Amino acid sequence: MNGEETYPTEAQLLRMKAEEELKNFHPEPMKLLKGADEKRLLHELQVYQVELEMQNEELRQSNATAEAALRKYTMLYDFSPMGYISLESDGTISDLNFTAAEMLGDKHFNFAGRNFKVFISENSLPVFTDFFSKIFSHEGKESCEVMLSHDGHPLCKVFMEGVVIGDERKCLLSVIDLSDFRK
């Protein structure tokens, strides 16, 4: 030997487990067959069946784990008391949570695909434009206060923090309604 230990692959481990399970639960059918080829073929089919059953159980467990993670994500993101908005580099809204949708004046998520700048008041637009350009030119977090409006009607004053993440270069915004803080 060359001193290197070899470890069985995941498929080999699965096969060994299946063979062990087959010995424990299916000893009888092999005695009914006379020819070596038939016995070998039946054994292979039984091992394959046990492997599939084991893989199916692993998939069920993985699915349950994924569903639990999705529930957790939904609670943390969608039902957060803070608004979360994902923007493309051109300012187009790609995603937002319920709180952000309410801040923008609607609970029905009619905002995806629209440019976020249309929800910034005319007076706050220069502040937001500067904030947004800094986010994409720096590798850090930026913040600003702006007034949200829709069709010229003021909605609320908000504090925003933003950062650009990932290879897609999306801007993630956290948005806090300052209306209650000012009172």
N, C-alpha and C. Protein backbone atom coordinates (compact mmCIF):
# COMPACT_ATOMS: atom_id res chain seq x y z
N MET A 1 0.83 -1.19 0.00
CA MET A 1 0.00 0.00 0.00
C MET A 1 0.86 1.24 0.00
N ASN A 2 0.33 2.31 -0.47
CA ASN A 2 1.10 3.55 -0.57
C ASN A 2 0.90 4.46 0.64
N GLY A 3 0.23 3.99 1.68
CA GLY A 3 0.07 4.78 2.89
C GLY A 3 -1.20 5.63 2.89
N GLU A 4 -1.88 5.74 1.76
CA GLU A 4 -3.11 6.53 1.70
C GLU A 4 -4.30 5.64 2.01
N GLU A 5 -5.17 6.13 2.89
CA GLU A 5 -6.38 5.39 3.20
C GLU A 5 -7.42 5.72 2.14
N THR A 6 -8.15 4.71 1.74
CA THR A 6 -9.25 4.96 0.81
C THR A 6 -10.55 4.83 1.57
N TYR A 7 -11.43 5.75 1.32
CA TYR A 7 -12.72 5.76 1.98
C TYR A 7 -13.79 5.43 0.96
N PRO A 8 -14.80 4.68 1.40
CA PRO A 8 -15.86 4.32 0.45
C PRO A 8 -16.65 5.57 0.03
N THR A 9 -17.11 5.54 -1.19
CA THR A 9 -17.94 6.64 -1.70
C THR A 9 -19.33 6.55 -1.08
N GLU A 10 -20.10 7.58 -1.27
CA GLU A 10 -21.47 7.59 -0.75
C GLU A 10 -22.29 6.45 -1.35
N ALA A 11 -22.09 6.19 -2.65
CA ALA A 11 -22.81 5.10 -3.30
C ALA A 11 -22.38 3.74 -2.73
N GLN A 12 -21.09 3.60 -2.45
CA GLN A 12 -20.61 2.34 -1.87
C GLN A 12 -21.15 2.15 -0.45
N LEU A 13 -21.20 3.22 0.32
CA LEU A 13 -21.77 3.14 1.67
C LEU A 13 -23.24 2.76 1.61
N LEU A 14 -23.97 3.36 0.67
CA LEU A 14 -25.38 3.04 0.51
C LEU A 14 -25.55 1.56 0.15
N ARG A 15 -24.71 1.07 -0.73
CA ARG A 15 -24.78 -0.34 -1.13
C ARG A 15 -24.51 -1.25 0.06
N MET A 16 -23.50 -0.91 0.86
CA MET A 16 -23.18 -1.74 2.03
C MET A 16 -24.35 -1.75 3.01
N LYS A 17 -24.96 -0.59 3.24
CA LYS A 17 -26.13 -0.53 4.13
C LYS A 17 -27.28 -1.37 3.57
N ALA A 18 -27.49 -1.26 2.25
CA ALA A 18 -28.58 -2.01 1.61
C ALA A 18 -28.33 -3.51 1.73
N GLU A 19 -27.09 -3.94 1.51
CA GLU A 19 -26.77 -5.37 1.62
C GLU A 19 -27.00 -5.86 3.04
N GLU A 20 -26.61 -5.06 4.03
CA GLU A 20 -26.81 -5.44 5.42
C GLU A 20 -28.29 -5.53 5.75
N GLU A 21 -29.06 -4.55 5.28
CA GLU A 21 -30.51 -4.58 5.51
C GLU A 21 -31.14 -5.78 4.82
N LEU A 22 -30.69 -6.07 3.65
CA LEU A 22 -31.22 -7.21 2.90
C LEU A 22 -30.97 -8.52 3.66
N LYS A 23 -29.81 -8.67 4.24
CA LYS A 23 -29.49 -9.87 5.03
C LYS A 23 -30.44 -10.00 6.22
N ASN A 24 -30.77 -8.87 6.83
CA ASN A 24 -31.60 -8.88 8.02
C ASN A 24 -33.08 -9.12 7.73
N PHE A 25 -33.56 -8.67 6.57
CA PHE A 25 -35.00 -8.70 6.34
C PHE A 25 -35.47 -9.57 5.19
N HIS A 26 -34.58 -10.05 4.33
CA HIS A 26 -35.00 -10.83 3.16
C HIS A 26 -34.13 -12.08 2.97
N PRO A 27 -34.02 -12.97 3.95
CA PRO A 27 -33.13 -14.12 3.78
C PRO A 27 -33.74 -15.26 2.96
N GLU A 28 -35.02 -15.40 2.87
CA GLU A 28 -35.67 -16.57 2.29
C GLU A 28 -35.65 -16.70 0.77
N PRO A 29 -35.91 -15.67 -0.04
CA PRO A 29 -36.03 -15.88 -1.49
C PRO A 29 -34.81 -16.51 -2.14
N MET A 30 -33.63 -16.32 -1.59
CA MET A 30 -32.42 -16.88 -2.18
C MET A 30 -32.44 -18.41 -2.15
N LYS A 31 -33.09 -19.00 -1.18
CA LYS A 31 -33.12 -20.46 -1.06
C LYS A 31 -33.99 -21.09 -2.14
N LEU A 32 -34.95 -20.36 -2.68
CA LEU A 32 -35.86 -20.90 -3.69
C LEU A 32 -35.20 -21.04 -5.06
N LEU A 33 -34.18 -20.24 -5.34
CA LEU A 33 -33.53 -20.27 -6.64
C LEU A 33 -32.40 -21.29 -6.66
N LYS A 34 -32.23 -21.95 -7.82
CA LYS A 34 -31.21 -23.00 -7.92
C LYS A 34 -29.95 -22.50 -8.62
N GLY A 35 -30.10 -21.74 -9.69
CA GLY A 35 -28.94 -21.32 -10.46
C GLY A 35 -28.24 -20.12 -9.85
N ALA A 36 -26.92 -20.08 -10.03
CA ALA A 36 -26.12 -18.99 -9.49
C ALA A 36 -26.49 -17.66 -10.13
N ASP A 37 -26.76 -17.67 -11.45
CA ASP A 37 -27.12 -16.42 -12.13
C ASP A 37 -28.44 -15.86 -11.61
N GLU A 38 -29.41 -16.74 -11.39
CA GLU A 38 -30.70 -16.27 -10.87
C GLU A 38 -30.55 -15.70 -9.47
N LYS A 39 -29.74 -16.38 -8.65
CA LYS A 39 -29.52 -15.90 -7.29
C LYS A 39 -28.82 -14.54 -7.30
N ARG A 40 -27.82 -14.43 -8.14
CA ARG A 40 -27.08 -13.17 -8.23
C ARG A 40 -28.00 -12.05 -8.73
N LEU A 41 -28.80 -12.33 -9.75
CA LEU A 41 -29.72 -11.34 -10.30
C LEU A 41 -30.76 -10.93 -9.26
N LEU A 42 -31.36 -11.88 -8.57
CA LEU A 42 -32.34 -11.56 -7.54
C LEU A 42 -31.69 -10.74 -6.43
N HIS A 43 -30.48 -11.15 -6.04
CA HIS A 43 -29.77 -10.41 -5.00
C HIS A 43 -29.55 -8.96 -5.44
N GLU A 44 -29.09 -8.75 -6.67
CA GLU A 44 -28.86 -7.39 -7.18
C GLU A 44 -30.14 -6.57 -7.19
N LEU A 45 -31.25 -7.19 -7.61
CA LEU A 45 -32.53 -6.48 -7.62
C LEU A 45 -32.98 -6.12 -6.21
N GLN A 46 -32.79 -7.04 -5.28
CA GLN A 46 -33.18 -6.76 -3.90
C GLN A 46 -32.33 -5.64 -3.29
N VAL A 47 -31.03 -5.71 -3.57
CA VAL A 47 -30.14 -4.66 -3.06
C VAL A 47 -30.54 -3.31 -3.67
N TYR A 48 -30.81 -3.30 -4.95
CA TYR A 48 -31.22 -2.07 -5.63
C TYR A 48 -32.52 -1.53 -5.03
N GLN A 49 -33.46 -2.42 -4.73
CA GLN A 49 -34.73 -1.99 -4.13
C GLN A 49 -34.48 -1.35 -2.75
N VAL A 50 -33.64 -1.98 -1.95
CA VAL A 50 -33.34 -1.44 -0.63
C VAL A 50 -32.62 -0.08 -0.76
N GLU A 51 -31.69 0.02 -1.72
CA GLU A 51 -31.01 1.30 -1.96
C GLU A 51 -32.02 2.39 -2.29
N LEU A 52 -32.96 2.07 -3.19
CA LEU A 52 -33.99 3.04 -3.56
C LEU A 52 -34.85 3.45 -2.37
N GLU A 53 -35.20 2.48 -1.54
CA GLU A 53 -35.99 2.79 -0.34
C GLU A 53 -35.21 3.71 0.59
N MET A 54 -33.92 3.45 0.74
CA MET A 54 -33.09 4.30 1.60
C MET A 54 -32.97 5.71 1.01
N GLN A 55 -32.74 5.80 -0.29
CA GLN A 55 -32.65 7.10 -0.94
C GLN A 55 -33.98 7.86 -0.82
N ASN A 56 -35.09 7.14 -0.96
CA ASN A 56 -36.40 7.77 -0.84
C ASN A 56 -36.58 8.35 0.57
N GLU A 57 -36.16 7.61 1.58
CA GLU A 57 -36.27 8.10 2.95
C GLU A 57 -35.39 9.34 3.15
N GLU A 58 -34.17 9.32 2.59
CA GLU A 58 -33.30 10.49 2.68
C GLU A 58 -33.94 11.69 2.00
N LEU A 59 -34.57 11.47 0.84
CA LEU A 59 -35.24 12.57 0.13
C LEU A 59 -36.41 13.12 0.95
N ARG A 60 -37.15 12.24 1.61
CA ARG A 60 -38.25 12.70 2.47
C ARG A 60 -37.72 13.57 3.60
N GLN A 61 -36.63 13.14 4.21
CA GLN A 61 -36.05 13.92 5.30
C GLN A 61 -35.52 15.26 4.80
N SER A 62 -34.88 15.24 3.63
CA SER A 62 -34.38 16.49 3.04
C SER A 62 -35.52 17.43 2.71
N ASN A 63 -36.61 16.88 2.19
CA ASN A 63 -37.78 17.69 1.87
C ASN A 63 -38.37 18.32 3.13
N ALA A 64 -38.46 17.56 4.21
CA ALA A 64 -38.98 18.09 5.47
C ALA A 64 -38.08 19.21 5.99
N THR A 65 -36.77 19.04 5.86
CA THR A 65 -35.83 20.07 6.29
C THR A 65 -35.99 21.33 5.44
N ALA A 66 -36.14 21.15 4.12
CA ALA A 66 -36.32 22.30 3.23
C ALA A 66 -37.63 23.03 3.53
N GLU A 67 -38.69 22.29 3.81
CA GLU A 67 -39.97 22.92 4.14
C GLU A 67 -39.88 23.70 5.45
N ALA A 68 -39.16 23.18 6.42
CA ALA A 68 -38.98 23.90 7.69
C ALA A 68 -38.18 25.18 7.46
N ALA A 69 -37.15 25.12 6.63
CA ALA A 69 -36.36 26.30 6.33
C ALA A 69 -37.20 27.34 5.59
N LEU A 70 -38.05 26.90 4.68
CA LEU A 70 -38.93 27.82 3.95
C LEU A 70 -39.90 28.52 4.91
N ARG A 71 -40.48 27.77 5.85
CA ARG A 71 -41.38 28.38 6.84
C ARG A 71 -40.63 29.43 7.66
N LYS A 72 -39.41 29.10 8.06
CA LYS A 72 -38.61 30.04 8.85
C LYS A 72 -38.29 31.28 8.03
N TYR A 73 -37.87 31.11 6.79
CA TYR A 73 -37.58 32.23 5.90
C TYR A 73 -38.81 33.11 5.72
N THR A 74 -39.95 32.49 5.51
CA THR A 74 -41.19 33.24 5.30
C THR A 74 -41.50 34.09 6.52
N MET A 75 -41.36 33.51 7.70
CA MET A 75 -41.63 34.27 8.92
C MET A 75 -40.63 35.42 9.09
N LEU A 76 -39.36 35.15 8.85
CA LEU A 76 -38.35 36.19 9.03
C LEU A 76 -38.42 37.29 7.98
N TYR A 77 -38.72 36.93 6.75
CA TYR A 77 -38.71 37.90 5.66
C TYR A 77 -40.07 38.54 5.44
N ASP A 78 -41.04 37.75 5.09
CA ASP A 78 -42.34 38.30 4.70
C ASP A 78 -43.07 39.00 5.83
N PHE A 79 -42.97 38.49 7.05
CA PHE A 79 -43.74 39.04 8.16
C PHE A 79 -42.92 39.92 9.10
N SER A 80 -41.75 40.32 8.67
CA SER A 80 -40.92 41.20 9.48
C SER A 80 -41.60 42.56 9.64
N PRO A 81 -41.41 43.20 10.80
CA PRO A 81 -41.97 44.54 10.97
C PRO A 81 -41.20 45.61 10.20
N MET A 82 -40.10 45.23 9.59
CA MET A 82 -39.28 46.14 8.80
C MET A 82 -39.50 45.82 7.32
N GLY A 83 -39.50 46.84 6.48
CA GLY A 83 -39.64 46.62 5.05
C GLY A 83 -38.33 46.13 4.45
N TYR A 84 -38.44 45.16 3.57
CA TYR A 84 -37.28 44.66 2.82
C TYR A 84 -37.61 44.74 1.34
N ILE A 85 -36.67 45.30 0.58
CA ILE A 85 -36.86 45.46 -0.86
C ILE A 85 -35.57 45.06 -1.56
N SER A 86 -35.68 44.28 -2.62
CA SER A 86 -34.52 43.94 -3.47
C SER A 86 -34.67 44.72 -4.76
N LEU A 87 -33.60 45.41 -5.14
CA LEU A 87 -33.61 46.22 -6.35
C LEU A 87 -32.53 45.77 -7.31
N GLU A 88 -32.86 45.82 -8.58
CA GLU A 88 -31.86 45.60 -9.63
C GLU A 88 -30.98 46.86 -9.71
N SER A 89 -29.90 46.79 -10.45
CA SER A 89 -28.98 47.93 -10.55
C SER A 89 -29.61 49.16 -11.20
N ASP A 90 -30.69 48.96 -11.94
CA ASP A 90 -31.38 50.11 -12.55
C ASP A 90 -32.51 50.65 -11.67
N GLY A 91 -32.67 50.08 -10.47
CA GLY A 91 -33.70 50.55 -9.54
C GLY A 91 -35.01 49.79 -9.63
N THR A 92 -35.09 48.79 -10.50
CA THR A 92 -36.31 48.00 -10.65
C THR A 92 -36.50 47.11 -9.43
N ILE A 93 -37.71 47.09 -8.90
CA ILE A 93 -38.03 46.25 -7.75
C ILE A 93 -38.12 44.80 -8.21
N SER A 94 -37.30 43.94 -7.60
CA SER A 94 -37.37 42.52 -7.95
C SER A 94 -38.11 41.72 -6.88
N ASP A 95 -38.10 42.22 -5.64
CA ASP A 95 -38.79 41.49 -4.57
C ASP A 95 -39.01 42.45 -3.41
N LEU A 96 -40.05 42.20 -2.61
CA LEU A 96 -40.30 42.98 -1.42
C LEU A 96 -41.19 42.18 -0.48
N ASN A 97 -41.14 42.54 0.79
CA ASN A 97 -41.97 41.83 1.77
C ASN A 97 -43.27 42.59 2.01
N PHE A 98 -44.13 42.02 2.86
CA PHE A 98 -45.45 42.60 3.12
C PHE A 98 -45.35 44.01 3.69
N THR A 99 -44.43 44.22 4.62
CA THR A 99 -44.29 45.53 5.26
C THR A 99 -43.89 46.59 4.24
N ALA A 100 -42.97 46.26 3.35
CA ALA A 100 -42.57 47.22 2.32
C ALA A 100 -43.73 47.51 1.38
N ALA A 101 -44.50 46.49 1.03
CA ALA A 101 -45.66 46.70 0.16
C ALA A 101 -46.66 47.65 0.81
N GLU A 102 -46.88 47.49 2.12
CA GLU A 102 -47.78 48.40 2.83
C GLU A 102 -47.24 49.82 2.83
N MET A 103 -45.93 49.98 3.03
CA MET A 103 -45.32 51.32 3.01
C MET A 103 -45.52 52.01 1.67
N LEU A 104 -45.52 51.19 0.61
CA LEU A 104 -45.69 51.75 -0.74
C LEU A 104 -47.16 51.92 -1.11
N GLY A 105 -48.05 51.58 -0.18
CA GLY A 105 -49.46 51.86 -0.37
C GLY A 105 -50.30 50.73 -0.91
N ASP A 106 -49.80 49.50 -0.88
CA ASP A 106 -50.57 48.39 -1.42
C ASP A 106 -50.16 47.11 -0.71
N LYS A 107 -51.10 46.22 -0.51
CA LYS A 107 -50.80 44.94 0.12
C LYS A 107 -50.75 43.81 -0.89
N HIS A 108 -50.81 44.12 -2.16
CA HIS A 108 -50.97 43.07 -3.17
C HIS A 108 -49.75 42.86 -4.07
N PHE A 109 -48.63 43.43 -3.68
CA PHE A 109 -47.37 43.20 -4.42
C PHE A 109 -47.47 43.55 -5.90
N ASN A 110 -48.11 44.65 -6.22
CA ASN A 110 -48.17 45.09 -7.61
C ASN A 110 -46.92 45.88 -8.00
N PHE A 111 -45.85 45.69 -7.30
CA PHE A 111 -44.67 46.53 -7.48
C PHE A 111 -43.53 45.87 -8.23
N ALA A 112 -43.49 44.57 -8.28
CA ALA A 112 -42.38 43.89 -8.95
C ALA A 112 -42.32 44.34 -10.40
N GLY A 113 -41.13 44.69 -10.83
CA GLY A 113 -40.93 45.14 -12.20
C GLY A 113 -41.04 46.66 -12.35
N ARG A 114 -41.49 47.35 -11.31
CA ARG A 114 -41.59 48.81 -11.36
C ARG A 114 -40.32 49.42 -10.79
N ASN A 115 -39.99 50.61 -11.22
CA ASN A 115 -38.81 51.28 -10.71
C ASN A 115 -39.13 51.90 -9.36
N PHE A 116 -38.27 51.66 -8.39
CA PHE A 116 -38.50 52.15 -7.03
C PHE A 116 -38.49 53.67 -6.96
N LYS A 117 -37.79 54.32 -7.87
CA LYS A 117 -37.68 55.78 -7.84
C LYS A 117 -39.04 56.47 -7.98
N VAL A 118 -40.04 55.81 -8.58
CA VAL A 118 -41.36 56.44 -8.70
C VAL A 118 -42.05 56.55 -7.34
N PHE A 119 -41.52 55.86 -6.32
CA PHE A 119 -42.10 55.93 -4.97
C PHE A 119 -41.33 56.88 -4.06
N ILE A 120 -40.37 57.60 -4.61
CA ILE A 120 -39.60 58.58 -3.85
C ILE A 120 -40.16 59.96 -4.18
N SER A 121 -40.42 60.75 -3.14
CA SER A 121 -40.97 62.09 -3.38
C SER A 121 -39.98 62.91 -4.21
N GLU A 122 -40.50 63.88 -4.90
CA GLU A 122 -39.68 64.72 -5.77
C GLU A 122 -38.58 65.42 -4.98
N ASN A 123 -38.90 65.87 -3.77
CA ASN A 123 -37.91 66.56 -2.93
C ASN A 123 -36.81 65.62 -2.45
N SER A 124 -37.13 64.35 -2.26
CA SER A 124 -36.16 63.38 -1.75
C SER A 124 -35.39 62.67 -2.86
N LEU A 125 -35.78 62.87 -4.09
CA LEU A 125 -35.16 62.14 -5.20
C LEU A 125 -33.65 62.37 -5.31
N PRO A 126 -33.14 63.61 -5.16
CA PRO A 126 -31.67 63.77 -5.21
C PRO A 126 -30.95 62.99 -4.10
N VAL A 127 -31.53 62.96 -2.90
CA VAL A 127 -30.92 62.23 -1.79
C VAL A 127 -30.89 60.74 -2.12
N PHE A 128 -32.02 60.22 -2.62
CA PHE A 128 -32.07 58.80 -2.96
C PHE A 128 -31.12 58.47 -4.10
N THR A 129 -31.08 59.30 -5.12
CA THR A 129 -30.20 59.04 -6.27
C THR A 129 -28.74 58.99 -5.83
N ASP A 130 -28.34 59.90 -4.95
CA ASP A 130 -26.98 59.90 -4.43
C ASP A 130 -26.72 58.63 -3.60
N PHE A 131 -27.66 58.31 -2.73
CA PHE A 131 -27.59 57.10 -1.90
C PHE A 131 -27.45 55.86 -2.78
N PHE A 132 -28.27 55.75 -3.81
CA PHE A 132 -28.28 54.57 -4.67
C PHE A 132 -26.99 54.45 -5.47
N SER A 133 -26.46 55.56 -5.95
CA SER A 133 -25.20 55.49 -6.70
C SER A 133 -24.03 55.13 -5.79
N LYS A 134 -24.06 55.61 -4.54
CA LYS A 134 -22.99 55.25 -3.58
C LYS A 134 -23.01 53.76 -3.27
N ILE A 135 -24.20 53.19 -3.17
CA ILE A 135 -24.30 51.75 -2.86
C ILE A 135 -23.58 50.94 -3.92
N PHE A 136 -23.75 51.30 -5.18
CA PHE A 136 -23.16 50.51 -6.25
C PHE A 136 -21.70 50.87 -6.52
N SER A 137 -21.24 52.03 -6.04
CA SER A 137 -19.85 52.39 -6.27
C SER A 137 -18.95 52.00 -5.10
N HIS A 138 -19.50 51.76 -3.93
CA HIS A 138 -18.73 51.35 -2.75
C HIS A 138 -19.07 49.91 -2.39
N GLU A 139 -18.22 49.31 -1.60
CA GLU A 139 -18.46 47.94 -1.16
C GLU A 139 -18.97 47.92 0.28
N GLY A 140 -19.77 48.87 0.63
CA GLY A 140 -20.25 48.92 2.00
C GLY A 140 -21.71 49.30 2.08
N LYS A 141 -22.16 49.44 3.31
CA LYS A 141 -23.54 49.79 3.58
C LYS A 141 -23.69 51.31 3.55
N GLU A 142 -24.78 51.77 2.99
CA GLU A 142 -25.10 53.20 2.95
C GLU A 142 -26.48 53.38 3.56
N SER A 143 -26.79 54.60 3.99
CA SER A 143 -28.10 54.87 4.55
C SER A 143 -28.56 56.28 4.18
N CYS A 144 -29.87 56.48 4.27
CA CYS A 144 -30.44 57.81 4.01
C CYS A 144 -31.86 57.86 4.55
N GLU A 145 -32.39 59.08 4.63
CA GLU A 145 -33.78 59.30 4.97
C GLU A 145 -34.45 59.96 3.77
N VAL A 146 -35.59 59.41 3.37
CA VAL A 146 -36.34 59.98 2.25
C VAL A 146 -37.83 59.92 2.55
N MET A 147 -38.58 60.67 1.79
CA MET A 147 -40.03 60.64 1.88
C MET A 147 -40.54 59.78 0.74
N LEU A 148 -41.35 58.77 1.09
CA LEU A 148 -42.00 57.95 0.06
C LEU A 148 -43.28 58.64 -0.36
N SER A 149 -43.60 58.56 -1.63
CA SER A 149 -44.85 59.12 -2.14
C SER A 149 -45.32 58.26 -3.31
N HIS A 150 -46.58 58.42 -3.63
CA HIS A 150 -47.15 57.70 -4.77
C HIS A 150 -48.12 58.63 -5.47
N ASP A 151 -47.92 58.82 -6.75
CA ASP A 151 -48.74 59.74 -7.55
C ASP A 151 -48.81 61.12 -6.91
N GLY A 152 -47.69 61.57 -6.37
CA GLY A 152 -47.62 62.91 -5.78
C GLY A 152 -48.17 63.02 -4.38
N HIS A 153 -48.69 61.94 -3.84
CA HIS A 153 -49.24 61.96 -2.47
C HIS A 153 -48.21 61.37 -1.51
N PRO A 154 -47.83 62.14 -0.47
CA PRO A 154 -46.84 61.62 0.47
C PRO A 154 -47.38 60.40 1.21
N LEU A 155 -46.51 59.41 1.39
CA LEU A 155 -46.88 58.19 2.11
C LEU A 155 -46.29 58.19 3.51
N CYS A 156 -44.98 58.23 3.61
CA CYS A 156 -44.32 58.25 4.92
C CYS A 156 -42.85 58.56 4.75
N LYS A 157 -42.25 59.09 5.82
CA LYS A 157 -40.81 59.33 5.84
C LYS A 157 -40.16 58.03 6.31
N VAL A 158 -39.09 57.61 5.64
CA VAL A 158 -38.44 56.35 5.97
C VAL A 158 -36.94 56.51 6.10
N PHE A 159 -36.37 55.63 6.89
CA PHE A 159 -34.92 55.48 6.98
C PHE A 159 -34.57 54.21 6.23
N MET A 160 -33.60 54.31 5.31
CA MET A 160 -33.20 53.15 4.50
C MET A 160 -31.73 52.86 4.70
N GLU A 161 -31.42 51.57 4.76
CA GLU A 161 -30.05 51.12 4.67
C GLU A 161 -29.99 50.18 3.49
N GLY A 162 -28.91 50.26 2.74
CA GLY A 162 -28.77 49.41 1.57
C GLY A 162 -27.37 48.88 1.42
N VAL A 163 -27.30 47.73 0.78
CA VAL A 163 -26.02 47.09 0.48
C VAL A 163 -26.20 46.28 -0.80
N VAL A 164 -25.13 46.15 -1.57
CA VAL A 164 -25.15 45.35 -2.79
C VAL A 164 -24.51 44.01 -2.48
N ILE A 165 -25.18 42.94 -2.91
CA ILE A 165 -24.66 41.60 -2.64
C ILE A 165 -24.70 40.74 -3.88
N GLY A 166 -23.93 39.66 -3.83
CA GLY A 166 -24.00 38.60 -4.83
C GLY A 166 -23.44 38.97 -6.18
N ASP A 167 -23.32 37.93 -6.99
CA ASP A 167 -22.83 38.10 -8.35
C ASP A 167 -23.83 38.86 -9.21
N GLU A 168 -25.12 38.79 -8.84
CA GLU A 168 -26.15 39.50 -9.61
C GLU A 168 -26.10 40.99 -9.34
N ARG A 169 -25.35 41.39 -8.29
CA ARG A 169 -25.23 42.80 -7.91
C ARG A 169 -26.59 43.41 -7.62
N LYS A 170 -27.35 42.75 -6.76
CA LYS A 170 -28.65 43.28 -6.33
C LYS A 170 -28.46 44.13 -5.09
N CYS A 171 -29.30 45.15 -5.00
CA CYS A 171 -29.30 46.02 -3.85
C CYS A 171 -30.39 45.54 -2.88
N LEU A 172 -29.99 45.28 -1.65
CA LEU A 172 -30.94 44.91 -0.61
C LEU A 172 -31.17 46.13 0.27
N LEU A 173 -32.43 46.52 0.41
CA LEU A 173 -32.79 47.67 1.23
C LEU A 173 -33.58 47.20 2.45
N SER A 174 -33.24 47.75 3.59
CA SER A 174 -34.10 47.63 4.76
C SER A 174 -34.71 49.01 4.95
N VAL A 175 -36.03 49.04 5.18
CA VAL A 175 -36.75 50.31 5.21
C VAL A 175 -37.57 50.37 6.49
N ILE A 176 -37.37 51.46 7.24
CA ILE A 176 -38.09 51.66 8.50
C ILE A 176 -38.94 52.92 8.38
N ASP A 177 -40.23 52.77 8.69
CA ASP A 177 -41.15 53.91 8.70
C ASP A 177 -40.84 54.76 9.92
N LEU A 178 -40.50 56.03 9.71
CA LEU A 178 -40.15 56.92 10.81
C LEU A 178 -41.35 57.68 11.37
N SER A 179 -42.51 57.50 10.81
CA SER A 179 -43.71 58.23 11.25
C SER A 179 -43.96 58.07 12.73
N ASP A 180 -43.91 56.84 13.23
CA ASP A 180 -44.17 56.58 14.65
C ASP A 180 -43.04 57.09 15.55
N PHE A 181 -41.81 57.11 15.03
CA PHE A 181 -40.69 57.60 15.82
C PHE A 181 -40.78 59.10 16.04
N ARG A 182 -41.30 59.83 15.06
CA ARG A 182 -41.37 61.29 15.13
C ARG A 182 -42.45 61.76 16.10
N LYS A 183 -43.47 60.92 16.32
CA LYS A 183 -44.56 61.31 17.21
C LYS A 183 -44.06 61.23 18.63
